[in-house]
Amino acid sequence: MPVALDVVIPCYNAAATLTRAAESALAQAQVRHVWLIDDASTDHSPQIISRLTTASNRIFSARLPDNGGVSRARNWGLLQSNADYIAFLDADDAYETGALAAATVALAQHPQLGLVRLKLKAVGLPARYAGHPKLPEAWQRLEMTVGGNTVFRRSLLLACGGFPADELFKRFGGEDAALGIALTRSSIVGTLFGANEPAVLHYYRPGMHAERLLDAALFAQTAPRISAADLAAAEAVSQRISRQLTDLHACLTPPQTGIMPLFPERPPA
């Protein structure tokens, strides 16, 4: 039976770009369904989603009752889909033609892979970033920590608990990085960053996550609202995810299988 690949696109006030993102996902030959998850948008996103779902029977949608952040929206899409592989695309990005082809082949051929990351191609990046000599190194760090270029084996992401939705990430972002760090520590992450690989088109807009990361990497400009305690809390989330995966590995790879009668000693009443 062939494996299924679905794309989940979380959306919050992305009326200007959502159609572009959805159509680029539909154009991928490997995609079965596209899930548009509206995180309680207040712009015209609901109307656009309604139009898109009417136009294609491969597009499904859900609207969350209140704005809970991108992790919750992604996780809701993860739970709605039953596909073997789940790709996540940001509503202001788009796939190039053929962007998902190699990822699905890699996941099918290499069962040890739980995540494949696609190349990100900057569109409209200001000259102060585009012309910086250290941009390639900083950009690869971005490719390894964002969520919009990911193709997961769904079972692995479920084992991680989905994208972390801890409160600190709602304040300053970074949920993608916390998950990405945990997975590189605990598993093998495949990358499709070759020069000829089709990419996720990452469109620049002021205030985007990429801008903050590049400011920090290239110009040592960090957001003052992120404290040392916040960074420690984010690291604790990465450790929690790694611990979950380690525990699961022990459960799924025992020296023998079957039934084990238990005779636990209990403390006196």
C-alpha atoms as a PDB file:
ATOM      1  CA  MET A   1       0.000   0.000   0.000  1.00  0.00           C
ATOM      2  CA  PRO A   2       1.552   3.362  -0.980  1.00  0.00           C
ATOM      3  CA  VAL A   3       2.398   5.803   1.786  1.00  0.00           C
ATOM      4  CA  ALA A   4       0.462   9.052   2.103  1.00  0.00           C
ATOM      5  CA  LEU A   5       1.874  12.560   2.479  1.00  0.00           C
ATOM      6  CA  ASP A   6      -0.201  15.488   3.734  1.00  0.00           C
ATOM      7  CA  VAL A   7       0.807  19.140   4.059  1.00  0.00           C
ATOM      8  CA  VAL A   8      -0.268  21.200   7.074  1.00  0.00           C
ATOM      9  CA  ILE A   9      -0.339  24.994   6.703  1.00  0.00           C
ATOM     10  CA  PRO A  10      -1.042  26.928   9.923  1.00  0.00           C
ATOM     11  CA  CYS A  11      -2.575  30.318   9.255  1.00  0.00           C
ATOM     12  CA  TYR A  12      -3.012  33.477  11.298  1.00  0.00           C
ATOM     13  CA  ASN A  13      -3.962  36.655   9.425  1.00  0.00           C
ATOM     14  CA  ALA A  14      -2.232  35.439   6.266  1.00  0.00           C
ATOM     15  CA  ALA A  15      -4.888  36.461   3.736  1.00  0.00           C
ATOM     16  CA  ALA A  16      -2.302  38.073   1.464  1.00  0.00           C
ATOM     17  CA  THR A  17      -0.187  34.916   1.017  1.00  0.00           C
ATOM     18  CA  LEU A  18      -2.307  31.880   1.914  1.00  0.00           C
ATOM     19  CA  THR A  19      -3.514  31.136  -1.629  1.00  0.00           C
ATOM     20  CA  ARG A  20       0.063  31.094  -2.909  1.00  0.00           C
ATOM     21  CA  ALA A  21       1.122  28.660  -0.184  1.00  0.00           C
ATOM     22  CA  ALA A  22      -1.866  26.340  -0.629  1.00  0.00           C
ATOM     23  CA  GLU A  23      -1.581  26.208  -4.410  1.00  0.00           C
ATOM     24  CA  SER A  24       2.139  25.448  -4.208  1.00  0.00           C
ATOM     25  CA  ALA A  25       1.339  22.499  -1.925  1.00  0.00           C
ATOM     26  CA  LEU A  26      -1.411  21.207  -4.213  1.00  0.00           C
ATOM     27  CA  ALA A  27       1.031  21.328  -7.122  1.00  0.00           C
ATOM     28  CA  GLN A  28       3.312  18.748  -5.469  1.00  0.00           C
ATOM     29  CA  ALA A  29       2.650  15.379  -7.085  1.00  0.00           C
ATOM     30  CA  GLN A  30       3.235  13.486  -3.828  1.00  0.00           C
ATOM     31  CA  VAL A  31       0.644  15.385  -1.764  1.00  0.00           C
ATOM     32  CA  ARG A  32      -2.615  13.656  -0.885  1.00  0.00           C
ATOM     33  CA  HIS A  33      -4.308  16.354   1.212  1.00  0.00           C
ATOM     34  CA  VAL A  34      -3.569  19.928   2.287  1.00  0.00           C
ATOM     35  CA  TRP A  35      -4.772  20.965   5.749  1.00  0.00           C
ATOM     36  CA  LEU A  36      -5.366  24.678   6.358  1.00  0.00           C
ATOM     37  CA  ILE A  37      -5.531  25.364  10.090  1.00  0.00           C
ATOM     38  CA  ASP A  38      -6.870  28.818  10.883  1.00  0.00           C
ATOM     39  CA  ASP A  39      -5.582  30.005  14.267  1.00  0.00           C
ATOM     40  CA  ALA A  40      -8.552  32.355  14.867  1.00  0.00           C
ATOM     41  CA  SER A  41      -7.592  34.870  12.177  1.00  0.00           C
ATOM     42  CA  THR A  42      -9.223  38.301  12.277  1.00  0.00           C
ATOM     43  CA  ASP A  43      -8.558  39.216   8.619  1.00  0.00           C
ATOM     44  CA  HIS A  44     -10.082  37.669   5.477  1.00  0.00           C
ATOM     45  CA  SER A  45      -8.287  34.325   5.899  1.00  0.00           C
ATOM     46  CA  PRO A  46     -11.528  32.407   6.693  1.00  0.00           C
ATOM     47  CA  GLN A  47     -13.103  33.555   3.428  1.00  0.00           C
ATOM     48  CA  ILE A  48     -10.009  32.579   1.472  1.00  0.00           C
ATOM     49  CA  ILE A  49      -9.928  29.176   3.167  1.00  0.00           C
ATOM     50  CA  SER A  50     -13.593  28.650   2.302  1.00  0.00           C
ATOM     51  CA  ARG A  51     -12.892  29.481  -1.340  1.00  0.00           C
ATOM     52  CA  LEU A  52      -9.889  27.141  -1.467  1.00  0.00           C
ATOM     53  CA  THR A  53     -11.730  24.203   0.098  1.00  0.00           C
ATOM     54  CA  THR A  54     -14.624  24.702  -2.313  1.00  0.00           C
ATOM     55  CA  ALA A  55     -12.264  24.757  -5.297  1.00  0.00           C
ATOM     56  CA  SER A  56     -10.382  21.559  -4.405  1.00  0.00           C
ATOM     57  CA  ASN A  57     -11.520  18.333  -2.745  1.00  0.00           C
ATOM     58  CA  ARG A  58      -7.918  17.782  -1.653  1.00  0.00           C
ATOM     59  CA  ILE A  59      -7.983  20.773   0.711  1.00  0.00           C
ATOM     60  CA  PHE A  60      -9.397  20.405   4.219  1.00  0.00           C
ATOM     61  CA  SER A  61      -9.630  23.052   6.897  1.00  0.00           C
ATOM     62  CA  ALA A  62     -10.240  23.658  10.574  1.00  0.00           C
ATOM     63  CA  ARG A  63     -10.674  26.869  12.548  1.00  0.00           C
ATOM     64  CA  LEU A  64      -9.454  27.041  16.132  1.00  0.00           C
ATOM     65  CA  PRO A  65     -11.678  28.890  18.632  1.00  0.00           C
ATOM     66  CA  ASP A  66      -8.956  31.264  19.829  1.00  0.00           C
ATOM     67  CA  ASN A  67      -5.427  32.249  18.895  1.00  0.00           C
ATOM     68  CA  GLY A  68      -3.145  29.722  20.559  1.00  0.00           C
ATOM     69  CA  GLY A  69       0.045  30.033  18.533  1.00  0.00           C
ATOM     70  CA  VAL A  70       1.636  28.239  15.638  1.00  0.00           C
ATOM     71  CA  SER A  71       2.556  25.091  17.593  1.00  0.00           C
ATOM     72  CA  ARG A  72      -1.034  24.391  18.571  1.00  0.00           C
ATOM     73  CA  ALA A  73      -2.197  25.021  15.007  1.00  0.00           C
ATOM     74  CA  ARG A  74       0.410  22.670  13.573  1.00  0.00           C
ATOM     75  CA  ASN A  75      -0.397  20.020  16.154  1.00  0.00           C
ATOM     76  CA  TRP A  76      -4.102  20.245  15.376  1.00  0.00           C
ATOM     77  CA  GLY A  77      -3.311  19.562  11.726  1.00  0.00           C
ATOM     78  CA  LEU A  78      -1.064  16.693  12.781  1.00  0.00           C
ATOM     79  CA  LEU A  79      -3.966  15.131  14.679  1.00  0.00           C
ATOM     80  CA  GLN A  80      -6.492  15.629  11.870  1.00  0.00           C
ATOM     81  CA  SER A  81      -4.311  13.885   9.298  1.00  0.00           C
ATOM     82  CA  ASN A  82      -3.634  10.162   9.267  1.00  0.00           C
ATOM     83  CA  ALA A  83      -0.893  10.337   6.631  1.00  0.00           C
ATOM     84  CA  ASP A  84       2.377   8.463   7.038  1.00  0.00           C
ATOM     85  CA  TYR A  85       4.363  11.646   6.369  1.00  0.00           C
ATOM     86  CA  ILE A  86       3.448  15.207   7.330  1.00  0.00           C
ATOM     87  CA  ALA A  87       5.042  18.270   5.740  1.00  0.00           C
ATOM     88  CA  PHE A  88       4.661  21.682   7.361  1.00  0.00           C
ATOM     89  CA  LEU A  89       4.634  24.868   5.306  1.00  0.00           C
ATOM     90  CA  ASP A  90       4.268  28.407   6.621  1.00  0.00           C
ATOM     91  CA  ALA A  91       1.389  30.402   5.172  1.00  0.00           C
ATOM     92  CA  ASP A  92       3.715  33.128   3.878  1.00  0.00           C
ATOM     93  CA  ASP A  93       6.070  30.699   2.093  1.00  0.00           C
ATOM     94  CA  ALA A  94       5.671  28.447  -0.956  1.00  0.00           C
ATOM     95  CA  TYR A  95       7.119  25.252  -2.430  1.00  0.00           C
ATOM     96  CA  GLU A  96       9.101  25.214  -5.629  1.00  0.00           C
ATOM     97  CA  THR A  97       8.043  22.561  -8.137  1.00  0.00           C
ATOM     98  CA  GLY A  98       9.157  19.110  -6.982  1.00  0.00           C
ATOM     99  CA  ALA A  99      10.188  20.250  -3.510  1.00  0.00           C
ATOM    100  CA  LEU A 100       8.679  17.223  -1.732  1.00  0.00           C
ATOM    101  CA  ALA A 101       9.729  14.483  -4.151  1.00  0.00           C
ATOM    102  CA  ALA A 102      13.157  13.647  -2.728  1.00  0.00           C
ATOM    103  CA  ALA A 103      11.957  13.879   0.874  1.00  0.00           C
ATOM    104  CA  THR A 104       9.302  11.196   0.388  1.00  0.00           C
ATOM    105  CA  VAL A 105      11.800   8.925  -1.360  1.00  0.00           C
ATOM    106  CA  ALA A 106      14.341   9.417   1.444  1.00  0.00           C
ATOM    107  CA  LEU A 107      11.822   8.624   4.189  1.00  0.00           C
ATOM    108  CA  ALA A 108      10.679   5.510   2.336  1.00  0.00           C
ATOM    109  CA  GLN A 109      14.209   4.238   1.668  1.00  0.00           C
ATOM    110  CA  HIS A 110      15.708   5.072   5.061  1.00  0.00           C
ATOM    111  CA  PRO A 111      13.508   3.915   7.960  1.00  0.00           C
ATOM    112  CA  GLN A 112      15.970   5.426  10.440  1.00  0.00           C
ATOM    113  CA  LEU A 113      15.001   8.910   9.239  1.00  0.00           C
ATOM    114  CA  GLY A 114      12.211  10.603  11.146  1.00  0.00           C
ATOM    115  CA  LEU A 115      12.622  14.092   9.709  1.00  0.00           C
ATOM    116  CA  VAL A 116      13.825  15.535   6.420  1.00  0.00           C
ATOM    117  CA  ARG A 117      14.544  19.240   6.076  1.00  0.00           C
ATOM    118  CA  LEU A 118      14.148  20.994   2.731  1.00  0.00           C
ATOM    119  CA  LYS A 119      16.325  23.775   1.426  1.00  0.00           C
ATOM    120  CA  LEU A 120      15.143  27.326   2.136  1.00  0.00           C
ATOM    121  CA  LYS A 121      15.572  29.882  -0.624  1.00  0.00           C
ATOM    122  CA  ALA A 122      15.427  33.531   0.425  1.00  0.00           C
ATOM    123  CA  VAL A 123      13.196  35.826  -1.606  1.00  0.00           C
ATOM    124  CA  GLY A 124      13.514  39.587  -1.188  1.00  0.00           C
ATOM    125  CA  LEU A 125      16.216  39.434   1.497  1.00  0.00           C
ATOM    126  CA  PRO A 126      17.583  42.961   2.169  1.00  0.00           C
ATOM    127  CA  ALA A 127      21.124  43.702   1.004  1.00  0.00           C
ATOM    128  CA  ARG A 128      22.498  43.977   4.538  1.00  0.00           C
ATOM    129  CA  TYR A 129      21.789  40.253   4.931  1.00  0.00           C
ATOM    130  CA  ALA A 130      22.186  39.050   1.343  1.00  0.00           C
ATOM    131  CA  GLY A 131      25.624  40.620   0.979  1.00  0.00           C
ATOM    132  CA  HIS A 132      27.026  39.525   4.334  1.00  0.00           C
ATOM    133  CA  PRO A 133      29.995  37.116   4.014  1.00  0.00           C
ATOM    134  CA  LYS A 134      28.730  34.933   6.859  1.00  0.00           C
ATOM    135  CA  LEU A 135      25.199  34.578   5.477  1.00  0.00           C
ATOM    136  CA  PRO A 136      25.613  30.952   4.234  1.00  0.00           C
ATOM    137  CA  GLU A 137      26.544  29.729   7.726  1.00  0.00           C
ATOM    138  CA  ALA A 138      23.728  31.689   9.384  1.00  0.00           C
ATOM    139  CA  TRP A 139      21.232  30.581   6.749  1.00  0.00           C
ATOM    140  CA  GLN A 140      22.014  26.919   7.293  1.00  0.00           C
ATOM    141  CA  ARG A 141      21.360  27.435  10.995  1.00  0.00           C
ATOM    142  CA  LEU A 142      17.993  28.856  10.011  1.00  0.00           C
ATOM    143  CA  GLU A 143      17.294  25.851   7.759  1.00  0.00           C
ATOM    144  CA  MET A 144      17.950  23.556  10.722  1.00  0.00           C
ATOM    145  CA  THR A 145      15.677  25.356  13.197  1.00  0.00           C
ATOM    146  CA  VAL A 146      12.503  26.561  11.423  1.00  0.00           C
ATOM    147  CA  GLY A 147       9.341  24.498  11.060  1.00  0.00           C
ATOM    148  CA  GLY A 148       8.193  25.474   7.584  1.00  0.00           C
ATOM    149  CA  ASN A 149      10.721  23.326   5.702  1.00  0.00           C
ATOM    150  CA  THR A 150      10.052  20.055   7.525  1.00  0.00           C
ATOM    151  CA  VAL A 151       8.761  16.675   6.354  1.00  0.00           C
ATOM    152  CA  PHE A 152       8.153  14.341   9.311  1.00  0.00           C
ATOM    153  CA  ARG A 153       7.442  10.714   9.725  1.00  0.00           C
ATOM    154  CA  ARG A 154       4.165  11.303  11.538  1.00  0.00           C
ATOM    155  CA  SER A 155       4.806   8.624  14.161  1.00  0.00           C
ATOM    156  CA  LEU A 156       8.028  10.331  15.255  1.00  0.00           C
ATOM    157  CA  LEU A 157       6.423  13.740  15.642  1.00  0.00           C
ATOM    158  CA  LEU A 158       3.617  12.205  17.696  1.00  0.00           C
ATOM    159  CA  ALA A 159       6.243  10.571  19.906  1.00  0.00           C
ATOM    160  CA  CYS A 160       7.775  14.008  20.466  1.00  0.00           C
ATOM    161  CA  GLY A 161       4.408  15.322  21.603  1.00  0.00           C
ATOM    162  CA  GLY A 162       4.150  17.446  18.472  1.00  0.00           C
ATOM    163  CA  PHE A 163       5.626  20.925  18.319  1.00  0.00           C
ATOM    164  CA  PRO A 164       6.170  22.226  21.867  1.00  0.00           C
ATOM    165  CA  ALA A 165       3.428  24.647  22.880  1.00  0.00           C
ATOM    166  CA  ASP A 166       4.930  25.855  26.172  1.00  0.00           C
ATOM    167  CA  GLU A 167       3.982  29.363  27.223  1.00  0.00           C
ATOM    168  CA  LEU A 168       7.489  30.794  26.785  1.00  0.00           C
ATOM    169  CA  PHE A 169       7.354  30.139  23.026  1.00  0.00           C
ATOM    170  CA  LYS A 170       4.174  32.165  22.698  1.00  0.00           C
ATOM    171  CA  ARG A 171       6.129  35.150  24.030  1.00  0.00           C
ATOM    172  CA  PHE A 172       9.258  35.022  21.859  1.00  0.00           C
ATOM    173  CA  GLY A 173       8.997  32.076  19.456  1.00  0.00           C
ATOM    174  CA  GLY A 174      11.643  29.379  19.185  1.00  0.00           C
ATOM    175  CA  GLU A 175       9.415  26.308  19.409  1.00  0.00           C
ATOM    176  CA  ASP A 176      10.780  25.086  16.072  1.00  0.00           C
ATOM    177  CA  ALA A 177      14.354  25.389  17.321  1.00  0.00           C
ATOM    178  CA  ALA A 178      13.628  23.535  20.576  1.00  0.00           C
ATOM    179  CA  LEU A 179      12.148  20.621  18.636  1.00  0.00           C
ATOM    180  CA  GLY A 180      14.870  20.710  15.992  1.00  0.00           C
ATOM    181  CA  ILE A 181      17.652  20.646  18.571  1.00  0.00           C
ATOM    182  CA  ALA A 182      16.066  17.686  20.339  1.00  0.00           C
ATOM    183  CA  LEU A 183      15.770  15.714  17.111  1.00  0.00           C
ATOM    184  CA  THR A 184      19.369  16.284  16.029  1.00  0.00           C
ATOM    185  CA  ARG A 185      20.461  15.052  19.457  1.00  0.00           C
ATOM    186  CA  SER A 186      18.161  12.026  19.520  1.00  0.00           C
ATOM    187  CA  SER A 187      17.764  10.889  15.914  1.00  0.00           C
ATOM    188  CA  ILE A 188      19.059  11.267  12.359  1.00  0.00           C
ATOM    189  CA  VAL A 189      17.751  14.298  10.487  1.00  0.00           C
ATOM    190  CA  GLY A 190      18.059  14.192   6.706  1.00  0.00           C
ATOM    191  CA  THR A 191      18.841  17.406   4.831  1.00  0.00           C
ATOM    192  CA  LEU A 192      18.152  18.278   1.205  1.00  0.00           C
ATOM    193  CA  PHE A 193      20.303  21.392   0.963  1.00  0.00           C
ATOM    194  CA  GLY A 194      22.103  20.609  -2.299  1.00  0.00           C
ATOM    195  CA  ALA A 195      22.542  23.354  -4.886  1.00  0.00           C
ATOM    196  CA  ASN A 196      20.142  21.718  -7.349  1.00  0.00           C
ATOM    197  CA  GLU A 197      17.452  20.710  -4.859  1.00  0.00           C
ATOM    198  CA  PRO A 198      14.055  22.441  -5.178  1.00  0.00           C
ATOM    199  CA  ALA A 199      13.368  24.605  -2.152  1.00  0.00           C
ATOM    200  CA  VAL A 200      10.847  26.245   0.081  1.00  0.00           C
ATOM    201  CA  LEU A 201      10.630  29.872  -1.013  1.00  0.00           C
ATOM    202  CA  HIS A 202      11.090  31.926   2.153  1.00  0.00           C
ATOM    203  CA  TYR A 203       9.710  35.394   1.496  1.00  0.00           C
ATOM    204  CA  TYR A 204      11.167  38.240   3.513  1.00  0.00           C
ATOM    205  CA  ARG A 205       8.946  40.462   5.622  1.00  0.00           C
ATOM    206  CA  PRO A 206      10.001  42.846   8.409  1.00  0.00           C
ATOM    207  CA  GLY A 207       9.851  41.258  11.838  1.00  0.00           C
ATOM    208  CA  MET A 208       9.922  37.662  10.620  1.00  0.00           C
ATOM    209  CA  HIS A 209      11.713  34.966  12.636  1.00  0.00           C
ATOM    210  CA  ALA A 210      14.509  34.771  10.059  1.00  0.00           C
ATOM    211  CA  GLU A 211      15.257  38.455  10.538  1.00  0.00           C
ATOM    212  CA  ARG A 212      15.718  38.030  14.280  1.00  0.00           C
ATOM    213  CA  LEU A 213      17.957  34.989  13.823  1.00  0.00           C
ATOM    214  CA  LEU A 214      20.070  36.696  11.166  1.00  0.00           C
ATOM    215  CA  ASP A 215      20.415  39.843  13.284  1.00  0.00           C
ATOM    216  CA  ALA A 216      21.728  37.703  16.122  1.00  0.00           C
ATOM    217  CA  ALA A 217      24.054  35.591  13.956  1.00  0.00           C
ATOM    218  CA  LEU A 218      25.433  38.325  11.700  1.00  0.00           C
ATOM    219  CA  PHE A 219      25.267  41.489  13.812  1.00  0.00           C
ATOM    220  CA  ALA A 220      25.182  40.174  17.410  1.00  0.00           C
ATOM    221  CA  GLN A 221      21.817  41.868  17.919  1.00  0.00           C
ATOM    222  CA  THR A 222      19.671  39.884  20.315  1.00  0.00           C
ATOM    223  CA  ALA A 223      16.173  40.735  21.416  1.00  0.00           C
ATOM    224  CA  PRO A 224      16.413  42.190  24.948  1.00  0.00           C
ATOM    225  CA  ARG A 225      13.181  40.526  26.016  1.00  0.00           C
ATOM    226  CA  ILE A 226      14.803  37.067  25.800  1.00  0.00           C
ATOM    227  CA  SER A 227      16.474  36.458  29.144  1.00  0.00           C
ATOM    228  CA  ALA A 228      18.957  33.826  30.253  1.00  0.00           C
ATOM    229  CA  ALA A 229      16.104  32.167  32.136  1.00  0.00           C
ATOM    230  CA  ASP A 230      14.074  31.994  28.905  1.00  0.00           C
ATOM    231  CA  LEU A 231      16.957  30.325  27.080  1.00  0.00           C
ATOM    232  CA  ALA A 232      17.385  27.843  29.929  1.00  0.00           C
ATOM    233  CA  ALA A 233      13.665  27.051  29.805  1.00  0.00           C
ATOM    234  CA  ALA A 234      13.875  26.442  26.041  1.00  0.00           C
ATOM    235  CA  GLU A 235      16.831  24.101  26.582  1.00  0.00           C
ATOM    236  CA  ALA A 236      14.792  22.233  29.192  1.00  0.00           C
ATOM    237  CA  VAL A 237      12.085  21.668  26.571  1.00  0.00           C
ATOM    238  CA  SER A 238      14.650  20.195  24.165  1.00  0.00           C
ATOM    239  CA  GLN A 239      15.866  17.903  26.927  1.00  0.00           C
ATOM    240  CA  ARG A 240      12.295  16.858  27.708  1.00  0.00           C
ATOM    241  CA  ILE A 241      11.659  15.866  24.097  1.00  0.00           C
ATOM    242  CA  SER A 242      14.938  13.932  23.936  1.00  0.00           C
ATOM    243  CA  ARG A 243      14.010  12.127  27.142  1.00  0.00           C
ATOM    244  CA  GLN A 244      10.622  11.145  25.720  1.00  0.00           C
ATOM    245  CA  LEU A 245      12.283   9.664  22.651  1.00  0.00           C
ATOM    246  CA  THR A 246      14.855   7.799  24.746  1.00  0.00           C
ATOM    247  CA  ASP A 247      12.106   6.306  26.920  1.00  0.00           C
ATOM    248  CA  LEU A 248      10.105   5.299  23.858  1.00  0.00           C
ATOM    249  CA  HIS A 249      13.143   3.629  22.299  1.00  0.00           C
ATOM    250  CA  ALA A 250      13.553   1.492  25.420  1.00  0.00           C
ATOM    251  CA  CYS A 251       9.876   0.471  25.221  1.00  0.00           C
ATOM    252  CA  LEU A 252      10.027  -0.454  21.547  1.00  0.00           C
ATOM    253  CA  THR A 253      13.383  -2.276  21.524  1.00  0.00           C
ATOM    254  CA  PRO A 254      13.248  -4.675  24.510  1.00  0.00           C
ATOM    255  CA  PRO A 255      15.515  -7.733  24.597  1.00  0.00           C
ATOM    256  CA  GLN A 256      12.367  -9.872  24.315  1.00  0.00           C
ATOM    257  CA  THR A 257       8.672  -9.322  23.710  1.00  0.00           C
ATOM    258  CA  GLY A 258       5.513 -10.772  25.199  1.00  0.00           C
ATOM    259  CA  ILE A 259       3.800 -10.587  28.580  1.00  0.00           C
ATOM    260  CA  MET A 260       5.624  -9.889  31.851  1.00  0.00           C
ATOM    261  CA  PRO A 261       3.748 -10.690  35.080  1.00  0.00           C
ATOM    262  CA  LEU A 262       4.356  -7.972  37.669  1.00  0.00           C
ATOM    263  CA  PHE A 263       4.655  -8.449  41.433  1.00  0.00           C
ATOM    264  CA  PRO A 264       5.486  -4.964  42.680  1.00  0.00           C
ATOM    265  CA  GLU A 265       6.429  -4.271  46.264  1.00  0.00           C
ATOM    266  CA  ARG A 266       4.232  -1.580  47.743  1.00  0.00           C
ATOM    267  CA  PRO A 267       5.028   0.614  50.718  1.00  0.00           C
ATOM    268  CA  PRO A 268       3.097  -0.191  53.864  1.00  0.00           C
ATOM    269  CA  ALA A 269      -0.245   1.584  54.191  1.00  0.00           C
END
